[in-house]
Protein backbone atom coordinates (compact mmCIF):
# COMPACT_ATOMS: atom_id res chain seq x y z
CA MET A 1 83.98 81.51 85.97
CA PRO A 2 86.03 78.92 84.05
CA ARG A 3 84.11 76.02 82.63
CA THR A 4 84.28 72.49 83.98
CA LEU A 5 86.32 70.44 81.52
CA SER A 6 85.73 66.94 82.87
CA VAL A 7 82.98 65.03 84.69
CA SER A 8 82.66 61.39 85.69
CA ASP A 9 80.46 58.98 87.61
CA SER A 10 80.61 55.31 88.61
CA ILE A 11 78.28 52.38 89.16
CA VAL A 12 78.76 48.78 90.26
CA VAL A 13 77.56 46.20 87.74
CA HIS A 14 77.13 42.59 88.80
CA ALA A 15 79.29 41.18 86.01
CA ALA A 16 82.99 40.45 85.49
CA PRO A 17 85.26 43.29 84.24
CA GLN A 18 86.02 41.40 81.00
CA GLU A 19 82.30 41.02 80.25
CA VAL A 20 81.53 44.68 80.96
CA TYR A 21 84.51 45.76 78.86
CA ALA A 22 83.43 43.53 75.95
CA ARG A 23 79.98 45.15 75.89
CA LEU A 24 81.09 48.76 76.38
CA SER A 25 84.00 48.63 73.95
CA ASP A 26 81.74 47.74 71.01
CA PRO A 27 80.78 51.11 69.49
CA THR A 28 78.01 49.52 67.42
CA ALA A 29 76.19 48.58 70.65
CA MET A 30 76.54 51.92 72.46
CA GLY A 31 73.01 52.91 71.44
CA ARG A 32 71.64 50.29 73.85
CA TRP A 33 72.67 52.37 76.88
CA SER A 34 73.51 55.90 75.73
CA PRO A 35 70.69 58.48 75.84
CA GLU A 36 72.06 60.21 72.70
CA ASN A 37 74.00 57.63 70.71
CA LEU A 38 72.15 55.50 68.18
CA GLY A 39 75.08 53.19 67.48
CA ALA A 40 78.10 53.40 65.22
CA ARG A 41 79.67 52.16 62.04
CA VAL A 42 83.18 50.84 62.50
CA ARG A 43 85.55 51.72 59.69
CA GLY A 44 87.56 48.69 58.61
CA GLY A 45 86.86 45.03 59.21
CA ARG A 46 87.43 44.38 62.91
CA ARG A 47 84.68 44.98 65.47
CA GLU A 48 86.65 44.23 68.63
CA ALA A 49 88.24 47.40 69.98
CA TYR A 50 91.90 48.22 69.34
CA VAL A 51 93.95 51.39 69.68
CA GLY A 52 93.58 53.30 66.42
CA MET A 53 90.15 51.85 65.57
CA VAL A 54 88.01 54.51 63.86
CA PHE A 55 84.23 54.62 64.02
CA ASP A 56 81.46 57.02 63.08
CA GLY A 57 78.88 57.48 65.83
CA ARG A 58 75.29 58.35 65.01
CA ASN A 59 73.66 60.63 67.58
CA GLN A 60 70.34 62.31 68.28
CA ARG A 61 69.12 64.90 70.81
CA GLY A 62 65.46 65.73 70.29
CA ALA A 63 64.98 66.49 66.59
CA MET A 64 68.69 67.21 66.08
CA ARG A 65 70.85 64.46 64.54
CA TRP A 66 74.59 64.42 63.92
CA THR A 67 77.51 62.12 63.18
CA THR A 68 80.88 62.07 64.91
CA ARG A 69 84.21 60.54 63.88
CA CYS A 70 85.99 58.86 66.77
CA THR A 71 89.32 57.10 67.29
CA VAL A 72 89.97 54.57 70.05
CA THR A 73 92.87 55.69 72.26
CA ALA A 74 92.80 52.89 74.87
CA ALA A 75 91.66 49.28 74.53
CA ASP A 76 92.87 47.35 77.57
CA PRO A 77 90.38 44.47 78.04
CA GLY A 78 88.77 44.40 81.46
CA ARG A 79 90.56 47.60 82.52
CA ARG A 80 90.09 50.61 80.25
CA PHE A 81 88.42 51.73 77.02
CA ALA A 82 88.68 55.29 75.67
CA PHE A 83 88.12 57.21 72.47
CA ARG A 84 88.40 60.78 71.30
CA VAL A 85 85.80 62.57 69.19
CA HIS A 86 87.59 64.63 66.55
CA ALA A 87 85.09 65.41 63.79
CA ILE A 88 81.40 66.22 63.61
CA GLY A 89 78.74 66.92 61.00
CA ALA A 90 75.06 66.56 60.23
CA ARG A 91 75.27 63.51 57.95
CA ARG A 92 79.04 63.07 57.70
CA PRO A 93 81.70 64.22 60.14
CA LEU A 94 83.21 66.98 57.99
CA LEU A 95 84.20 69.56 60.62
CA ARG A 96 87.50 68.40 62.12
CA ALA A 97 88.44 69.68 65.56
CA PRO A 98 89.11 68.38 69.07
CA ILE A 99 85.66 67.84 70.59
CA ALA A 100 85.71 65.41 73.52
CA THR A 101 87.30 62.32 75.02
CA TRP A 102 85.26 59.51 76.57
CA GLU A 103 86.86 57.01 78.94
CA TYR A 104 85.57 53.91 80.72
CA ARG A 105 87.51 52.26 83.53
CA PHE A 106 86.68 48.84 84.95
CA GLU A 107 87.65 47.82 88.49
CA ALA A 108 86.89 44.43 89.99
CA VAL A 109 85.03 44.84 93.28
CA GLU A 110 83.19 42.42 95.50
CA GLY A 111 80.14 41.26 93.57
CA GLY A 112 81.11 42.68 90.19
CA THR A 113 82.75 45.61 88.45
CA ARG A 114 82.88 49.31 89.24
CA VAL A 115 82.48 51.09 85.91
CA THR A 116 83.63 54.70 85.80
CA GLU A 117 82.66 56.81 82.80
CA THR A 118 84.47 60.12 82.19
CA TRP A 119 83.76 62.85 79.66
CA THR A 120 86.47 65.44 78.96
CA ASP A 121 85.85 68.60 76.96
CA ASP A 122 88.62 68.85 74.36
CA ARG A 123 87.46 72.25 73.06
CA ARG A 124 90.35 73.94 74.90
CA ALA A 125 90.84 76.61 72.25
CA TRP A 126 87.28 77.88 72.70
CA PRO A 127 86.95 80.89 75.01
CA ASP A 128 84.83 80.00 78.06
CA ALA A 129 82.13 82.56 77.18
CA VAL A 130 81.78 81.21 73.63
CA ALA A 131 81.69 77.58 74.82
CA GLY A 132 79.15 78.48 77.51
CA ALA A 133 76.83 80.22 75.05
CA PHE A 134 77.11 77.38 72.52
CA ASP A 135 76.54 74.74 75.21
CA ARG A 136 73.40 76.43 76.55
CA LEU A 137 72.01 76.77 73.03
CA VAL A 138 72.42 73.09 72.05
CA THR A 139 71.52 71.60 75.47
CA ARG A 140 68.55 73.88 76.21
CA GLY A 141 70.14 75.80 79.04
CA HIS A 142 72.94 73.61 80.44
CA THR A 143 76.70 73.64 80.16
CA PHE A 144 78.11 70.52 78.51
CA ALA A 145 79.55 69.45 81.87
CA GLU A 146 76.10 69.60 83.51
CA PHE A 147 74.49 67.93 80.52
CA GLN A 148 77.07 65.16 80.27
CA ARG A 149 76.83 64.45 83.99
CA LEU A 150 73.15 63.56 83.41
CA ASN A 151 73.99 61.54 80.27
CA ILE A 152 76.70 59.61 82.09
CA ARG A 153 74.32 58.69 84.93
CA ALA A 154 71.70 57.54 82.41
CA THR A 155 74.26 55.52 80.44
CA LEU A 156 75.61 53.77 83.53
CA GLU A 157 72.13 52.92 84.82
CA ARG A 158 71.07 51.54 81.43
CA LEU A 159 74.30 49.53 81.12
CA LYS A 160 73.71 48.03 84.56
CA ALA A 161 70.10 47.17 83.70
CA VAL A 162 71.09 45.48 80.42
CA LEU A 163 74.01 43.51 81.88
CA GLU A 164 72.08 42.40 84.95
CA SER A 165 68.92 41.39 83.10
CA PRO A 166 68.17 37.67 82.84
CA ASP A 167 68.42 37.98 79.03
CA ALA A 168 71.97 39.41 79.11
């Protein structure tokens, strides 16, 4: 059975699209809502997102820690933010290869913004059986599509909670 290469989910946040975009497009803040990301270090001086921006994401799953190198591929305020993950490593992202693309779309709806988060598996050169075995090993029994579906739901719920809190 071929593997699922993309999953997405949506949630409505009671905030304006520009506000949601501003929060989600800051890689240094991603650790506030992501279940695996601990934040990022932006390479270069600017922190506001722009196409071509490069950042190194710090991640953790259980006792396992790793760093990814990412490049922003879409930075359309209030509409779309996306980046591709193209290098990975324990302390530094030394292994270069297509890994994944993350995309966030923002749609104004009555009462706020519908945020849609999409994960796409960019490991197209991997045979399905190899990817499936690797996925189950590093996610404790899931495919990455199943695992990321859960992560996306958790991220969206945390984002909503943060943006709708009185302290936001």
